[in-house]
Protein backbone atom coordinates (compact mmCIF):
# COMPACT_ATOMS: atom_id res chain seq x y z
CA MET A 1 38.09 -12.02 -17.37
CA SER A 2 35.18 -11.30 -13.99
CA GLU A 3 33.30 -14.39 -13.27
CA ALA A 4 29.67 -11.84 -14.09
CA THR A 5 31.32 -11.61 -17.54
CA ALA A 6 32.78 -14.79 -18.25
CA THR A 7 28.47 -16.30 -17.14
CA LYS A 8 27.59 -13.63 -19.88
CA THR A 9 29.50 -14.90 -22.36
CA SER A 10 29.52 -18.50 -21.92
CA ILE A 11 25.27 -18.81 -22.07
CA PRO A 12 23.92 -17.57 -25.54
CA GLN A 13 20.42 -16.77 -25.21
CA GLN A 14 19.15 -19.56 -27.40
CA ARG A 15 17.48 -23.38 -26.19
CA ARG A 16 19.72 -25.78 -26.42
CA LEU A 17 19.13 -30.15 -25.52
CA VAL A 18 21.25 -32.65 -25.87
CA THR A 19 19.50 -34.87 -22.67
CA GLU A 20 16.22 -35.91 -22.38
CA ILE A 21 14.98 -33.67 -19.87
CA PRO A 22 15.68 -34.28 -16.82
CA GLY A 23 19.12 -35.49 -17.77
CA PRO A 24 20.38 -38.22 -16.11
CA ARG A 25 22.90 -36.09 -13.92
CA SER A 26 19.38 -34.08 -12.45
CA GLN A 27 18.05 -37.50 -11.77
CA GLU A 28 20.87 -38.88 -9.87
CA LEU A 29 20.96 -35.50 -8.01
CA HIS A 30 17.30 -36.21 -7.24
CA ALA A 31 17.25 -39.41 -6.35
CA ARG A 32 20.33 -38.38 -3.69
CA ARG A 33 17.69 -35.13 -3.11
CA GLN A 34 14.99 -37.59 -2.04
CA GLU A 35 16.86 -39.07 0.65
CA VAL A 36 17.59 -36.04 2.88
CA VAL A 37 14.86 -33.41 1.38
CA PRO A 38 10.82 -33.24 3.02
CA PRO A 39 8.35 -33.88 0.38
CA GLY A 40 7.01 -30.89 1.53
CA VAL A 41 9.37 -28.96 -0.16
CA HIS A 42 8.27 -29.78 -3.97
CA SER A 43 10.04 -28.56 -7.32
CA VAL A 44 7.63 -28.77 -10.23
CA LEU A 45 10.03 -29.83 -12.59
CA PRO A 46 13.59 -32.37 -11.25
CA VAL A 47 15.67 -30.30 -12.97
CA TYR A 48 19.32 -29.06 -11.37
CA ILE A 49 20.20 -26.25 -12.62
CA ASP A 50 24.20 -25.36 -12.73
CA ARG A 51 23.88 -21.27 -13.91
CA ALA A 52 22.49 -19.26 -15.63
CA HIS A 53 21.99 -15.42 -17.50
CA ASP A 54 19.56 -13.58 -18.33
CA SER A 55 16.18 -16.09 -19.90
CA ILE A 56 18.23 -18.97 -20.01
CA VAL A 57 19.31 -21.59 -17.46
CA VAL A 58 21.87 -24.36 -17.68
CA ASP A 59 21.15 -27.43 -16.04
CA VAL A 60 23.82 -30.32 -15.14
CA ASP A 61 23.79 -32.21 -17.87
CA GLY A 62 24.42 -28.88 -20.13
CA ASN A 63 20.70 -28.38 -21.21
CA HIS A 64 20.35 -24.39 -22.10
CA ILE A 65 16.26 -24.25 -20.65
CA ILE A 66 14.39 -21.11 -21.56
CA ASP A 67 13.10 -19.72 -18.13
CA VAL A 68 9.98 -17.97 -18.42
CA CYS A 69 9.14 -18.07 -14.61
CA GLY A 70 12.27 -16.26 -13.24
CA GLY A 71 12.24 -17.91 -9.96
CA ILE A 72 8.26 -17.22 -9.92
CA GLY A 73 9.14 -13.07 -11.13
CA VAL A 74 12.54 -12.84 -8.67
CA MET A 75 14.77 -12.73 -11.47
CA THR A 76 12.71 -9.39 -13.14
CA ILE A 77 16.13 -7.96 -14.90
CA GLY A 78 17.55 -11.36 -15.04
CA HIS A 79 19.55 -14.39 -13.95
CA THR A 80 23.34 -13.47 -12.65
CA ASP A 81 22.89 -9.37 -13.64
CA GLU A 82 26.51 -7.95 -14.14
CA SER A 83 25.15 -4.67 -11.87
CA VAL A 84 23.19 -7.01 -9.09
CA VAL A 85 26.72 -9.30 -8.40
CA ALA A 86 28.82 -6.62 -8.92
CA ALA A 87 26.90 -5.17 -5.73
CA ALA A 88 26.76 -7.52 -4.22
CA THR A 89 30.25 -9.06 -4.16
CA GLU A 90 31.81 -5.36 -3.50
CA GLN A 91 29.60 -5.57 -0.23
CA LEU A 92 30.45 -8.84 1.27
CA GLY A 93 33.72 -7.93 1.27
CA LYS A 94 32.93 -4.44 3.40
CA VAL A 95 29.63 -5.56 6.12
CA THR A 96 27.76 -8.53 5.29
CA HIS A 97 25.86 -8.07 9.00
CA THR A 98 25.53 -5.98 11.86
CA LEU A 99 21.46 -5.51 12.40
CA PHE A 100 20.15 -2.57 10.63
CA THR A 101 18.88 -2.04 14.35
CA MET A 102 21.77 -2.69 16.43
CA THR A 103 24.04 -0.42 14.26
CA PRO A 104 22.59 0.65 10.73
CA TYR A 105 24.20 1.26 6.99
CA ALA A 106 23.08 3.60 4.31
CA LYS A 107 22.21 0.80 1.87
CA TYR A 108 19.08 0.16 3.90
CA VAL A 109 18.69 4.17 3.61
CA GLU A 110 19.21 4.31 0.08
CA VAL A 111 16.31 1.39 -1.01
CA ALA A 112 13.69 3.19 1.32
CA GLU A 113 14.56 6.15 -0.59
CA TYR A 114 14.02 4.55 -3.82
CA LEU A 115 11.21 2.74 -2.25
CA ALA A 116 9.45 6.33 -1.53
CA LYS A 117 10.05 7.53 -4.13
CA TYR A 118 8.50 5.18 -6.52
CA ALA A 119 5.61 5.01 -3.41
CA SER A 120 3.92 8.60 -4.14
CA SER A 121 4.88 11.60 -6.26
CA ASP A 122 3.41 14.10 -2.75
CA GLU A 123 3.44 12.37 0.51
CA ARG A 124 5.98 11.20 2.62
CA TYR A 125 6.76 7.00 3.11
CA LYS A 126 8.33 5.26 5.02
CA THR A 127 9.44 1.71 4.85
CA LEU A 128 11.19 -1.38 7.06
CA LEU A 129 12.62 -4.04 5.26
CA VAL A 130 12.34 -7.67 6.49
CA ASN A 131 13.16 -10.56 4.23
CA SER A 132 10.04 -12.68 2.44
CA GLY A 133 6.54 -11.62 0.79
CA SER A 134 5.24 -13.66 3.67
CA GLU A 135 6.88 -11.78 6.04
CA ALA A 136 6.07 -8.68 4.82
CA VAL A 137 2.75 -9.63 4.62
CA GLU A 138 2.94 -10.26 8.38
CA ASN A 139 4.19 -6.90 9.12
CA GLY A 140 1.86 -5.27 6.81
CA VAL A 141 -1.12 -6.31 8.87
CA LYS A 142 0.68 -5.92 12.00
CA ILE A 143 1.09 -2.27 11.45
CA ALA A 144 -2.58 -1.91 10.50
CA ARG A 145 -3.64 -3.34 13.78
CA LYS A 146 -1.12 -0.73 15.33
CA HIS A 147 -2.40 2.03 13.68
CA THR A 148 -6.22 1.22 13.60
CA GLY A 149 -6.61 -0.52 16.93
CA ARG A 150 -8.46 -3.14 15.36
CA PRO A 151 -8.47 -6.84 14.87
CA GLY A 152 -10.05 -7.62 11.74
CA VAL A 153 -8.08 -8.47 8.38
CA ALA A 154 -10.28 -8.55 4.74
CA VAL A 155 -8.89 -10.52 2.24
CA LEU A 156 -10.55 -11.44 -1.22
CA GLU A 157 -11.07 -14.50 -3.45
CA ASN A 158 -8.30 -16.00 -4.77
CA ALA A 159 -5.41 -14.19 -3.33
CA PHE A 160 -2.44 -16.03 -2.10
CA HIS A 161 -0.26 -14.07 0.78
CA GLY A 162 2.60 -16.72 1.98
CA ARG A 163 2.79 -19.75 4.07
CA THR A 164 3.42 -18.37 7.26
CA MET A 165 0.84 -19.29 9.96
CA LEU A 166 -1.30 -15.49 9.43
CA THR A 167 -0.30 -15.99 5.92
CA SER A 168 -1.74 -19.61 5.22
CA SER A 169 -4.55 -18.35 6.62
CA MET A 170 -5.36 -15.35 4.47
CA ASN A 171 -5.12 -17.20 1.33
CA HIS A 172 -8.10 -18.61 -0.84
CA LYS A 173 -7.55 -21.66 -0.33
CA ALA A 174 -5.74 -23.93 1.65
CA ALA A 175 -4.03 -27.32 0.04
CA PRO A 176 -1.34 -27.48 0.16
CA TYR A 177 -0.25 -24.23 2.35
CA ALA A 178 -2.72 -24.86 5.53
CA ALA A 179 -3.96 -28.04 5.36
CA GLY A 180 -3.33 -30.42 8.05
CA TYR A 181 -0.91 -27.79 10.10
CA GLY A 182 -3.01 -26.70 12.99
CA PRO A 183 -5.23 -23.92 13.90
CA ARG A 184 -5.19 -20.46 11.27
CA ALA A 185 -4.91 -17.51 12.49
CA GLY A 186 -8.68 -15.86 13.19
CA ASN A 187 -10.25 -12.41 12.15
CA ILE A 188 -10.11 -13.06 8.81
CA TYR A 189 -12.77 -12.77 6.18
CA LYS A 190 -12.63 -13.25 2.33
CA ALA A 191 -14.46 -11.47 0.17
CA PRO A 192 -15.93 -11.97 -3.78
CA ASN A 193 -13.43 -10.45 -5.83
CA SER A 194 -13.60 -9.10 -9.54
CA TYR A 195 -12.53 -12.07 -11.70
CA PRO A 196 -14.19 -10.50 -15.36
CA LEU A 197 -14.18 -13.87 -17.13
CA HIS A 198 -16.02 -15.91 -14.64
CA ASP A 199 -18.45 -13.05 -12.77
CA GLY A 200 -19.34 -10.68 -15.77
CA LEU A 201 -19.48 -7.63 -13.51
CA SER A 202 -18.59 -4.14 -14.03
CA GLY A 203 -16.00 -2.88 -11.44
CA ALA A 204 -18.77 -0.69 -10.08
CA GLU A 205 -21.05 -4.07 -9.43
CA ALA A 206 -18.09 -6.13 -8.34
CA ALA A 207 -17.09 -3.56 -5.74
CA ALA A 208 -20.29 -3.27 -4.41
CA ARG A 209 -20.58 -7.58 -3.98
CA THR A 210 -17.35 -7.21 -2.13
CA ILE A 211 -18.28 -4.15 -0.05
CA ALA A 212 -21.74 -5.67 0.86
CA PHE A 213 -20.44 -9.43 1.88
CA LEU A 214 -17.45 -7.48 4.52
CA GLU A 215 -20.06 -5.06 5.99
CA LYS A 216 -22.30 -8.15 6.40
CA PHE A 217 -19.66 -10.27 7.66
CA ALA A 218 -16.55 -8.75 9.34
CA GLY A 219 -18.44 -4.90 10.05
CA ALA A 220 -16.28 -2.16 8.97
CA GLU A 221 -15.99 -0.22 12.24
CA ASP A 222 -13.67 -4.09 12.94
CA LEU A 223 -11.50 -3.93 9.58
CA ALA A 224 -7.98 -2.70 10.66
CA CYS A 225 -7.19 -3.65 6.70
CA LEU A 226 -7.53 -4.20 3.67
CA VAL A 227 -5.28 -6.54 1.85
CA PHE A 228 -5.25 -6.74 -1.93
CA GLU A 229 -2.97 -8.04 -4.73
CA PRO A 230 -3.53 -5.09 -8.15
CA ILE A 231 -3.10 -7.92 -10.09
CA GLN A 232 -3.86 -11.47 -7.99
CA GLY A 233 -0.77 -13.73 -8.30
CA GLU A 234 -0.64 -17.29 -7.76
CA GLY A 235 -4.67 -17.12 -7.97
CA GLY A 236 -4.58 -16.77 -11.65
CA PHE A 237 -2.91 -13.15 -12.59
CA ILE A 238 -6.34 -12.42 -12.61
CA VAL A 239 -6.76 -8.51 -13.85
CA PRO A 240 -9.48 -6.98 -11.74
CA ALA A 241 -12.60 -4.46 -14.10
CA ASP A 242 -12.33 -1.02 -14.53
CA GLY A 243 -13.13 0.96 -11.02
CA TYR A 244 -13.45 -2.13 -8.72
CA LEU A 245 -10.17 -0.92 -6.98
CA PRO A 246 -10.66 3.24 -7.03
CA ALA A 247 -14.04 1.98 -5.18
CA LEU A 248 -12.81 -0.34 -2.64
CA GLN A 249 -10.12 2.45 -1.48
CA ASP A 250 -12.89 5.04 -1.76
CA TRP A 251 -15.20 2.80 1.33
CA CYS A 252 -11.42 1.99 2.94
CA ARG A 253 -10.56 5.28 3.12
CA ALA A 254 -14.38 6.34 4.55
CA ASN A 255 -14.14 3.56 7.40
CA GLY A 256 -10.31 4.49 8.40
CA ILE A 257 -9.72 0.73 6.81
CA VAL A 258 -5.94 0.72 5.67
CA PHE A 259 -5.66 0.20 2.20
CA ILE A 260 -2.46 -2.62 1.58
CA ALA A 261 -1.29 -3.72 -1.94
CA ASP A 262 0.08 -6.40 -1.83
CA GLU A 263 2.91 -6.03 -5.22
CA VAL A 264 4.77 -9.12 -3.65
CA GLN A 265 4.84 -10.25 -7.53
CA ALA A 266 3.35 -7.95 -9.74
CA GLY A 267 5.46 -4.85 -8.35
CA ILE A 268 9.81 -3.37 -8.73
CA ALA A 269 8.61 -3.08 -12.42
CA ARG A 270 7.10 -6.77 -13.68
CA SER A 271 3.88 -5.24 -14.76
CA GLY A 272 4.93 -2.15 -16.83
CA THR A 273 5.20 0.50 -14.28
CA MET A 274 7.13 0.48 -11.32
CA PHE A 275 4.08 -0.75 -9.27
CA SER A 276 1.04 -2.44 -11.00
CA PHE A 277 -1.52 -0.21 -8.84
CA GLU A 278 -0.33 2.73 -10.25
CA GLN A 279 -2.37 1.04 -13.61
CA PHE A 280 -5.41 1.45 -11.52
CA GLY A 281 -5.70 4.90 -10.31
CA ILE A 282 -5.63 4.31 -6.67
CA GLN A 283 -2.77 4.76 -3.89
CA PRO A 284 -2.44 2.31 -1.23
CA ASP A 285 -1.59 3.52 2.31
CA ILE A 286 1.11 0.18 2.50
CA ILE A 287 3.01 -1.34 -0.35
CA LEU A 288 4.96 -4.68 0.65
CA THR A 289 7.20 -5.62 -1.81
CA ALA A 290 10.07 -8.79 -2.11
CA LYS A 291 10.57 -11.16 -5.35
CA GLY A 292 12.12 -8.52 -7.49
CA ILE A 293 13.30 -6.42 -5.46
CA ALA A 294 17.32 -7.41 -4.83
CA GLY A 295 17.66 -9.62 -7.83
CA GLY A 296 17.64 -12.82 -6.37
CA LEU A 297 18.53 -11.77 -2.68
CA PRO A 298 16.53 -12.56 0.05
CA LEU A 299 15.28 -8.57 1.20
CA ALA A 300 11.55 -7.91 1.42
CA GLY A 301 9.72 -4.10 2.19
CA ILE A 302 6.33 -2.43 3.99
CA THR A 303 6.20 1.13 2.57
CA GLY A 304 3.80 2.75 4.16
CA ARG A 305 2.52 6.11 4.63
CA ALA A 306 4.69 7.81 7.06
CA GLU A 307 1.43 8.54 10.02
CA ILE A 308 0.94 4.57 9.96
CA MET A 309 4.50 3.34 10.05
CA ASP A 310 5.69 6.58 12.69
CA LYS A 311 2.61 4.51 15.36
CA SER A 312 4.75 1.51 16.03
CA GLN A 313 7.19 1.98 19.60
CA PRO A 314 10.63 1.71 19.27
CA GLY A 315 11.96 -2.01 19.39
CA GLY A 316 8.45 -3.21 17.42
CA LEU A 317 9.71 -3.68 13.91
CA GLY A 318 12.28 -5.16 12.68
CA GLY A 319 13.82 -8.77 12.43
CA THR A 320 17.85 -10.33 12.83
CA PHE A 321 17.93 -10.15 9.01
CA GLY A 322 16.07 -8.15 7.38
CA GLY A 323 17.57 -5.28 5.37
CA ASN A 324 20.84 -7.47 5.35
CA PRO A 325 23.35 -5.53 3.63
CA VAL A 326 24.22 -7.86 0.74
CA ALA A 327 20.67 -7.45 -0.45
CA CYS A 328 20.35 -4.10 0.12
CA ALA A 329 23.32 -3.39 -2.10
CA ALA A 330 22.32 -5.60 -4.25
CA ALA A 331 18.53 -3.75 -4.60
CA VAL A 332 19.80 -0.27 -5.25
CA ALA A 333 21.75 -2.08 -8.15
CA VAL A 334 18.03 -3.18 -9.34
CA PHE A 335 16.55 0.54 -9.01
CA GLU A 336 19.91 1.57 -10.83
CA SER A 337 19.02 -0.59 -13.14
CA ILE A 338 15.21 -0.18 -14.01
CA GLU A 339 16.03 3.48 -14.59
CA ARG A 340 19.21 3.00 -16.17
CA ASP A 341 17.88 0.55 -18.90
CA ALA A 342 14.70 1.45 -19.16
CA LEU A 343 13.68 -1.65 -18.30
CA LEU A 344 9.08 -0.39 -17.92
CA LEU A 345 9.62 0.30 -21.73
CA GLU A 346 11.22 -3.27 -22.07
CA ALA A 347 8.33 -4.75 -19.62
CA LYS A 348 5.36 -2.64 -22.17
CA ARG A 349 7.06 -5.15 -25.23
CA ILE A 350 7.08 -7.36 -23.87
CA GLU A 351 3.73 -7.68 -22.62
CA THR A 352 3.12 -6.92 -26.61
CA SER A 353 5.43 -9.59 -28.09
CA PHE A 354 3.87 -12.24 -26.15
CA THR A 355 0.03 -10.68 -25.89
CA GLU A 356 0.14 -10.44 -29.68
CA GLY A 357 1.38 -14.54 -30.22
CA LEU A 358 -0.95 -15.18 -27.96
CA LYS A 359 -4.26 -14.02 -29.09
CA ALA A 360 -2.97 -15.96 -32.37
CA LEU A 361 -2.63 -19.24 -30.49
CA GLN A 362 -6.06 -18.48 -28.96
CA ALA A 363 -7.48 -18.33 -32.40
CA LYS A 364 -5.94 -21.13 -33.63
CA HIS A 365 -6.95 -23.17 -29.90
CA PRO A 366 -10.13 -22.97 -28.72
CA ALA A 367 -9.28 -23.87 -25.61
CA ILE A 368 -7.98 -20.57 -24.58
CA ALA A 369 -10.21 -18.68 -22.99
CA GLU A 370 -8.08 -15.55 -22.22
CA VAL A 371 -5.31 -14.53 -22.56
CA ARG A 372 -4.37 -11.19 -20.26
CA GLY A 373 -1.82 -9.49 -17.21
CA ARG A 374 0.60 -6.55 -18.15
CA GLY A 375 4.04 -6.27 -18.93
CA ALA A 376 5.89 -8.74 -18.08
CA MET A 377 3.35 -10.42 -16.08
CA LEU A 378 0.55 -12.04 -18.30
CA ALA A 379 -0.90 -15.64 -18.07
CA PHE A 380 -3.62 -17.66 -20.62
CA GLU A 381 -6.62 -19.81 -19.14
CA LEU A 382 -7.25 -22.84 -20.66
CA THR A 383 -10.87 -24.36 -20.38
CA LYS A 384 -12.71 -27.13 -21.71
CA PRO A 385 -14.16 -25.79 -25.25
CA GLY A 386 -17.37 -24.26 -25.19
CA THR A 387 -17.41 -23.61 -21.49
CA THR A 388 -15.47 -21.42 -18.43
CA GLU A 389 -14.64 -24.89 -16.60
CA ALA A 390 -10.90 -25.00 -15.63
CA ASP A 391 -8.95 -27.43 -17.89
CA ALA A 392 -6.45 -28.25 -14.73
CA ASP A 393 -5.71 -31.30 -16.68
CA LEU A 394 -4.74 -30.15 -20.08
CA VAL A 395 -2.64 -27.52 -18.34
CA ALA A 396 -0.23 -29.96 -16.90
CA ARG A 397 -0.44 -31.50 -20.17
CA VAL A 398 0.67 -28.20 -22.17
CA ILE A 399 3.78 -27.70 -19.19
CA ASP A 400 5.34 -31.14 -18.91
CA PHE A 401 5.47 -30.79 -22.99
CA ALA A 402 6.83 -27.90 -22.90
CA ALA A 403 9.73 -29.32 -20.28
CA LYS A 404 10.59 -31.60 -22.38
CA GLN A 405 11.01 -28.82 -25.04
CA GLY A 406 13.32 -26.88 -23.15
CA VAL A 407 10.88 -24.85 -22.03
CA LEU A 408 10.20 -23.28 -18.49
CA LEU A 409 6.33 -22.78 -17.31
CA LEU A 410 4.43 -22.40 -14.26
CA ALA A 411 0.58 -22.87 -13.42
CA THR A 412 -1.19 -20.94 -11.99
CA GLY A 413 -5.08 -20.20 -10.21
CA VAL A 414 -6.98 -21.61 -8.09
CA TYR A 415 -8.15 -24.86 -10.00
CA ASN A 416 -4.43 -24.71 -11.79
CA GLN A 417 -6.60 -23.77 -14.95
CA ALA A 418 -4.19 -21.02 -16.82
CA ILE A 419 0.29 -20.92 -17.65
CA ARG A 420 1.78 -17.97 -16.57
CA LEU A 421 4.83 -15.90 -17.91
CA LEU A 422 7.46 -13.76 -15.79
CA PRO A 423 10.22 -14.24 -17.75
CA SER A 424 12.68 -11.47 -17.74
CA LEU A 425 12.43 -7.85 -18.72
CA LYS A 426 15.56 -8.71 -21.21
CA ILE A 427 14.26 -11.77 -22.49
CA THR A 428 14.73 -10.76 -26.75
CA ASP A 429 11.95 -11.09 -28.69
CA GLU A 430 13.33 -14.27 -30.58
CA LEU A 431 13.64 -16.05 -27.40
CA ILE A 432 9.75 -15.08 -27.19
CA ALA A 433 8.32 -16.33 -30.80
CA ASP A 434 10.68 -19.48 -29.21
CA VAL A 435 8.30 -19.66 -26.79
CA LEU A 436 5.37 -18.83 -28.36
CA SER A 437 6.34 -22.11 -30.93
CA VAL A 438 7.05 -24.37 -28.19
CA LEU A 439 3.54 -23.50 -27.11
CA ASP A 440 1.83 -23.72 -29.94
CA GLU A 441 2.96 -27.74 -30.74
CA ALA A 442 2.23 -28.10 -26.71
CA LEU A 443 -1.16 -27.09 -27.24
CA THR A 444 -1.58 -29.07 -30.91
CA ALA A 445 -0.30 -31.91 -28.68
CA ALA A 446 -2.20 -32.27 -25.81
C-alpha cells in the first residue's frame, strides 16, 4: 500500500475528539515553539497537525478536526490528494531544481499552458511563475509599470495583497501587516470599494464613486494599474454589486491603466469557475494566482496579455525558486484533477449546501447580517442585532467554541466581522451538515 493510500484509509472523513482542544501534546509543542519562534509568526489555533487527508486534519493528540479553512484557501482539492502526492513524488526523484532561467524544464511550460487556456479563449496570455501571492502581486505591479511607464498603483478599500513592503502598503489596514515596520511604499491610492451590505449602492453608483476618487486624488494619467480582488478575501469575502467591476474595467481601458485581478484566494476553481472574474463579465489584463494552484506546494503565477508581458527585457523577470519543478508537477496534477473530477461542479454543490444551511441559521440567529460568497468561498457577517455594527467579539466566541468542538474556522474582514468558509472541494455533505450543527451550537452558546 502506498503512503498516500495509507493516509486516505487511515483518516475517515469524520470529526472525532479524544482530548480537549488543544491536547496535551499540542500544549507541549506550543511551549517549545514559544522558545524558538517569534510571536509575530502567530497561529490562530495552537493545535499541531500530524497528518491530513481531504477535509480532515489529525493533530498530534489524535483528534480528527474538520478543516473549513484549508490553509486559508490553499487545499482546494483536499489535503494529500493522491494525484498531487504521486506527481510531486515522481518529480522529486527526477529533478528538484535547476532554475528555469538557467536550464528550463517541461512542467513550467505545462503550468503556463493551463493558465493561458483558462485566462482567455481568444487572446494570447503568457505566464511568469514565482513562489507566493505577495510575490505575484509585486511582479504584477512591476510589469504594469514597465508596460505603461507610469508609477501609480490603485487599490480598493478592504483589500489585502500581502506582507512584503509593497503589498503591505497596498493593504487596506496597516495593523498587523505594516505597523511599525518602517516606511511604506509610495504612489499607492486606496479608493472606495463596492460593499453592498454597508454602502447600499448599485454597481454603477459604487463605480462612479471609485472613479471620481481616483481621478481626483491619483490622476488617471499617472496610474500604471488598478489591482483588485473580484471577491475580496481578507477584507471580508465581499462580493461587489452587479456592474461594478465592468465599469472599472471600461474606465481602465479608456485610460490605458492595466486592470489586474488578484485571484490569489478566489482563483483556481474555488469560486465555482476557474477564476472568479469569469462571474462578473470582465477580462483582466493580468491575473495573479497562488494558494490553491499547487496543492500545498509553494507556487504562484502572473498571467498577462502577451503584449504586456513581452515588454520586460530578458533577465528582468524571474527568481531562484520561482516555478520549482516539484511545485510545477503538483500544479499540473491539480489542473488535471479539477478537469477529471469535475470540481467546478463540486464547488457549486458546496455553495448550495452551505448557503442553504447558513440561511436557515440566519433565520434563527439575528446576529447573522448577511450570508455571501461564491462556490467554496463563503462567509457570514455578524453584527449587533438591529444594526450594521461589527460584532468581532461574537465572531471570536463562535470560532473559539467551534475549535473546541473540532471545527477549524477563521475570521475575516477589516474588523474581524465575518467568519469565512474555505473548505476543500471534496468536503462531503455529511461534513457540511456537521459543521452547520456546530455553528448552530456555537451561535446559541455565544
